C-alpha atoms as a PDB file:
ATOM      1  CA  MET A   1       0.000   0.000   0.000  1.00  0.00           C
ATOM      2  CA  ALA A   2       1.451   3.362  -1.031  1.00  0.00           C
ATOM      3  CA  THR A   3       0.995   6.410   1.183  1.00  0.00           C
ATOM      4  CA  GLY A   4      -2.040   8.462   0.224  1.00  0.00           C
ATOM      5  CA  GLU A   5      -3.588   5.623  -1.747  1.00  0.00           C
ATOM      6  CA  PRO A   6      -7.048   4.249  -1.011  1.00  0.00           C
ATOM      7  CA  LEU A   7      -6.998   1.254   1.307  1.00  0.00           C
ATOM      8  CA  ASP A   8      -8.214  -2.049  -0.045  1.00  0.00           C
ATOM      9  CA  ALA A   9      -9.993  -4.490   2.275  1.00  0.00           C
ATOM     10  CA  GLU A  10      -6.841  -6.519   2.906  1.00  0.00           C
ATOM     11  CA  ASP A  11      -4.791  -3.455   3.909  1.00  0.00           C
ATOM     12  CA  ARG A  12      -7.597  -2.131   6.093  1.00  0.00           C
ATOM     13  CA  ASN A  13      -8.132  -5.478   7.815  1.00  0.00           C
ATOM     14  CA  ALA A  14      -4.399  -5.747   8.543  1.00  0.00           C
ATOM     15  CA  MET A  15      -4.364  -2.400  10.370  1.00  0.00           C
ATOM     16  CA  PRO A  16      -4.520  -2.486  14.185  1.00  0.00           C
ATOM     17  CA  ASP A  17      -7.589  -0.934  15.845  1.00  0.00           C
ATOM     18  CA  SER A  18      -5.339   1.821  17.179  1.00  0.00           C
ATOM     19  CA  ALA A  19      -4.760   3.070  13.613  1.00  0.00           C
ATOM     20  CA  PHE A  20      -8.375   4.270  13.396  1.00  0.00           C
ATOM     21  CA  ALA A  21      -9.943   7.439  14.777  1.00  0.00           C
ATOM     22  CA  PHE A  22     -12.823   5.280  16.025  1.00  0.00           C
ATOM     23  CA  PRO A  23     -11.117   2.000  16.994  1.00  0.00           C
ATOM     24  CA  ARG A  24     -14.168   0.149  18.354  1.00  0.00           C
ATOM     25  CA  VAL A  25     -16.024   0.466  15.044  1.00  0.00           C
ATOM     26  CA  ARG A  26     -12.810   0.598  12.962  1.00  0.00           C
ATOM     27  CA  LYS A  27     -13.820   3.815  11.197  1.00  0.00           C
ATOM     28  CA  GLU A  28     -11.615   6.539   9.730  1.00  0.00           C
ATOM     29  CA  PRO A  29      -8.081   5.196   9.362  1.00  0.00           C
ATOM     30  CA  LEU A  30      -5.328   7.683  10.215  1.00  0.00           C
ATOM     31  CA  ASN A  31      -2.394   6.197   8.320  1.00  0.00           C
ATOM     32  CA  ASP A  32      -1.450   9.262   6.208  1.00  0.00           C
ATOM     33  CA  ALA A  33      -2.349  12.922   5.547  1.00  0.00           C
ATOM     34  CA  ARG A  34      -5.012  12.051   2.970  1.00  0.00           C
ATOM     35  CA  HIS A  35      -6.846   9.795   5.412  1.00  0.00           C
ATOM     36  CA  VAL A  36      -6.557  12.355   8.228  1.00  0.00           C
ATOM     37  CA  ARG A  37      -8.217  14.976   6.009  1.00  0.00           C
ATOM     38  CA  ASN A  38     -10.854  12.411   5.098  1.00  0.00           C
ATOM     39  CA  ALA A  39     -11.487  11.630   8.785  1.00  0.00           C
ATOM     40  CA  LEU A  40     -12.078  15.332   9.430  1.00  0.00           C
ATOM     41  CA  ALA A  41     -14.428  15.651   6.476  1.00  0.00           C
ATOM     42  CA  ARG A  42     -16.425  12.555   7.383  1.00  0.00           C
ATOM     43  CA  PHE A  43     -16.393  12.910  11.165  1.00  0.00           C
ATOM     44  CA  ASP A  44     -20.093  13.761  11.299  1.00  0.00           C
ATOM     45  CA  GLN A  45     -20.995  10.691   9.235  1.00  0.00           C
ATOM     46  CA  VAL A  46     -19.736   8.155  11.783  1.00  0.00           C
ATOM     47  CA  ARG A  47     -22.669   6.472  13.485  1.00  0.00           C
ATOM     48  CA  ASP A  48     -23.142   4.336  16.579  1.00  0.00           C
ATOM     49  CA  VAL A  49     -20.428   5.981  18.676  1.00  0.00           C
ATOM     50  CA  THR A  50     -20.723   7.853  21.958  1.00  0.00           C
ATOM     51  CA  ASP A  51     -19.729  11.435  22.620  1.00  0.00           C
ATOM     52  CA  HIS A  52     -16.858  10.049  24.707  1.00  0.00           C
ATOM     53  CA  GLU A  53     -15.657   8.065  21.684  1.00  0.00           C
ATOM     54  CA  ARG A  54     -15.933  11.259  19.605  1.00  0.00           C
ATOM     55  CA  ASP A  55     -13.765  13.079  22.182  1.00  0.00           C
ATOM     56  CA  GLU A  56     -11.142  10.346  21.932  1.00  0.00           C
ATOM     57  CA  ALA A  57     -11.373  10.185  18.123  1.00  0.00           C
ATOM     58  CA  PHE A  58     -10.866  13.941  17.871  1.00  0.00           C
ATOM     59  CA  GLN A  59      -7.702  13.675  19.989  1.00  0.00           C
ATOM     60  CA  ARG A  60      -6.413  10.854  17.759  1.00  0.00           C
ATOM     61  CA  ILE A  61      -7.127  12.934  14.663  1.00  0.00           C
ATOM     62  CA  LYS A  62      -5.314  15.938  16.174  1.00  0.00           C
ATOM     63  CA  ARG A  63      -2.232  13.812  16.897  1.00  0.00           C
ATOM     64  CA  ALA A  64      -2.295  12.304  13.396  1.00  0.00           C
ATOM     65  CA  ALA A  65      -2.784  15.748  11.841  1.00  0.00           C
ATOM     66  CA  ALA A  66       0.310  17.035  13.650  1.00  0.00           C
ATOM     67  CA  LYS A  67       2.275  13.947  12.621  1.00  0.00           C
ATOM     68  CA  PHE A  68       1.358  14.246   8.932  1.00  0.00           C
ATOM     69  CA  GLY A  69       1.366  18.059   8.684  1.00  0.00           C
ATOM     70  CA  VAL A  70      -2.390  18.526   8.245  1.00  0.00           C
ATOM     71  CA  ASP A  71      -3.647  21.940   9.373  1.00  0.00           C
ATOM     72  CA  MET A  72      -6.664  21.884  11.670  1.00  0.00           C
ATOM     73  CA  THR A  73      -8.629  24.959  12.658  1.00  0.00           C
ATOM     74  CA  GLU A  74     -11.118  23.141  14.897  1.00  0.00           C
ATOM     75  CA  ASP A  75     -10.645  23.108  18.671  1.00  0.00           C
ATOM     76  CA  SER A  76     -13.424  20.610  19.342  1.00  0.00           C
ATOM     77  CA  TRP A  77     -15.155  17.796  17.492  1.00  0.00           C
ATOM     78  CA  ARG A  78     -18.392  19.699  18.038  1.00  0.00           C
ATOM     79  CA  GLU A  79     -17.198  22.077  15.333  1.00  0.00           C
ATOM     80  CA  LEU A  80     -17.212  19.074  12.992  1.00  0.00           C
ATOM     81  CA  GLY A  81     -20.657  17.948  14.103  1.00  0.00           C
ATOM     82  CA  LYS A  82     -22.308  14.615  14.583  1.00  0.00           C
ATOM     83  CA  PRO A  83     -25.113  12.966  12.669  1.00  0.00           C
ATOM     84  CA  ALA A  84     -28.709  13.793  13.485  1.00  0.00           C
ATOM     85  CA  LYS A  85     -30.620  10.749  14.671  1.00  0.00           C
ATOM     86  CA  ALA A  86     -32.953  10.639  11.667  1.00  0.00           C
ATOM     87  CA  ARG A  87     -30.478  11.750   9.009  1.00  0.00           C
ATOM     88  CA  ARG A  88     -28.343   9.608   6.775  1.00  0.00           C
ATOM     89  CA  SER A  89     -25.168  11.154   5.362  1.00  0.00           C
ATOM     90  CA  SER A  90     -26.847  11.214   1.946  1.00  0.00           C
ATOM     91  CA  ASP A  91     -29.653  13.384   3.374  1.00  0.00           C
ATOM     92  CA  LYS A  92     -27.495  16.447   3.930  1.00  0.00           C
ATOM     93  CA  PRO A  93     -28.648  19.472   1.957  1.00  0.00           C
ATOM     94  CA  ARG A  94     -26.683  20.090  -1.192  1.00  0.00           C
ATOM     95  CA  THR A  95     -25.538  23.627  -1.895  1.00  0.00           C
ATOM     96  CA  GLN A  96     -26.340  23.052  -5.565  1.00  0.00           C
ATOM     97  CA  ALA A  97     -29.958  22.090  -4.787  1.00  0.00           C
ATOM     98  CA  PRO A  98     -32.534  24.606  -5.971  1.00  0.00           C
ATOM     99  CA  LYS A  99     -33.956  26.852  -3.266  1.00  0.00           C
ATOM    100  CA  LYS A 100     -37.464  25.467  -3.926  1.00  0.00           C
ATOM    101  CA  ASP A 101     -36.237  21.941  -3.066  1.00  0.00           C
ATOM    102  CA  LEU A 102     -34.580  23.176   0.123  1.00  0.00           C
ATOM    103  CA  TYR A 103     -37.747  25.076   1.022  1.00  0.00           C
ATOM    104  CA  ALA A 104     -39.869  21.954   0.447  1.00  0.00           C
ATOM    105  CA  GLU A 105     -37.593  19.949   2.754  1.00  0.00           C
ATOM    106  CA  ALA A 106     -37.764  22.718   5.380  1.00  0.00           C
ATOM    107  CA  GLN A 107     -41.547  22.675   5.040  1.00  0.00           C
ATOM    108  CA  ARG A 108     -41.636  18.889   5.576  1.00  0.00           C
ATOM    109  CA  LYS A 109     -39.470  19.316   8.673  1.00  0.00           C
ATOM    110  CA  LYS A 110     -41.634  22.210   9.891  1.00  0.00           C
ATOM    111  CA  ILE A 111     -38.673  24.580  10.277  1.00  0.00           C
ATOM    112  CA  PRO A 112     -40.011  27.891  11.614  1.00  0.00           C
ATOM    113  CA  GLY A 113     -39.290  31.057   9.644  1.00  0.00           C
ATOM    114  CA  ARG A 114     -38.517  29.147   6.450  1.00  0.00           C
ATOM    115  CA  SER A 115     -40.592  31.421   4.215  1.00  0.00           C
ATOM    116  CA  THR A 116     -38.287  34.393   4.824  1.00  0.00           C
ATOM    117  CA  MET A 117     -34.980  32.468   4.705  1.00  0.00           C
ATOM    118  CA  THR A 118     -32.362  32.822   2.001  1.00  0.00           C
ATOM    119  CA  LYS A 119     -30.995  29.702   0.337  1.00  0.00           C
ATOM    120  CA  ASP A 120     -27.933  29.772   2.625  1.00  0.00           C
ATOM    121  CA  GLN A 121     -30.144  30.127   5.696  1.00  0.00           C
ATOM    122  CA  LEU A 122     -32.270  27.169   4.548  1.00  0.00           C
ATOM    123  CA  ILE A 123     -29.149  25.034   4.093  1.00  0.00           C
ATOM    124  CA  GLU A 124     -27.940  25.963   7.584  1.00  0.00           C
ATOM    125  CA  ALA A 125     -31.351  25.307   9.162  1.00  0.00           C
ATOM    126  CA  LEU A 126     -31.558  21.898   7.469  1.00  0.00           C
ATOM    127  CA  ARG A 127     -28.120  20.925   8.809  1.00  0.00           C
ATOM    128  CA  LYS A 128     -29.306  21.247  12.427  1.00  0.00           C
END
């Protein structure tokens, strides 16, 4: 396996639990800079972990980021978020979605004040 390359199943299975941000569920490997950036980007998509596990994962990511020279601006995993109970990662609002589609979703979710929101405000409200 070359550094920065995607991991195949064999490589991933050979990695110790400690090489993952979330070792219990073996999610988000931290073996190089590319995977550290990926762990940051996908942090809020990891399911079935406790807030304590998120605290520990964030510390692992910070150490790996320092090791591989990845800049982090976040001071807490809460800045990265966590998944809403009813939302799948594919449900997140897309910035390229038309405003009318975002409004319809906000209407379905009964988000107050939606009729006066801009597209950016709708996207932000739907992320909560």
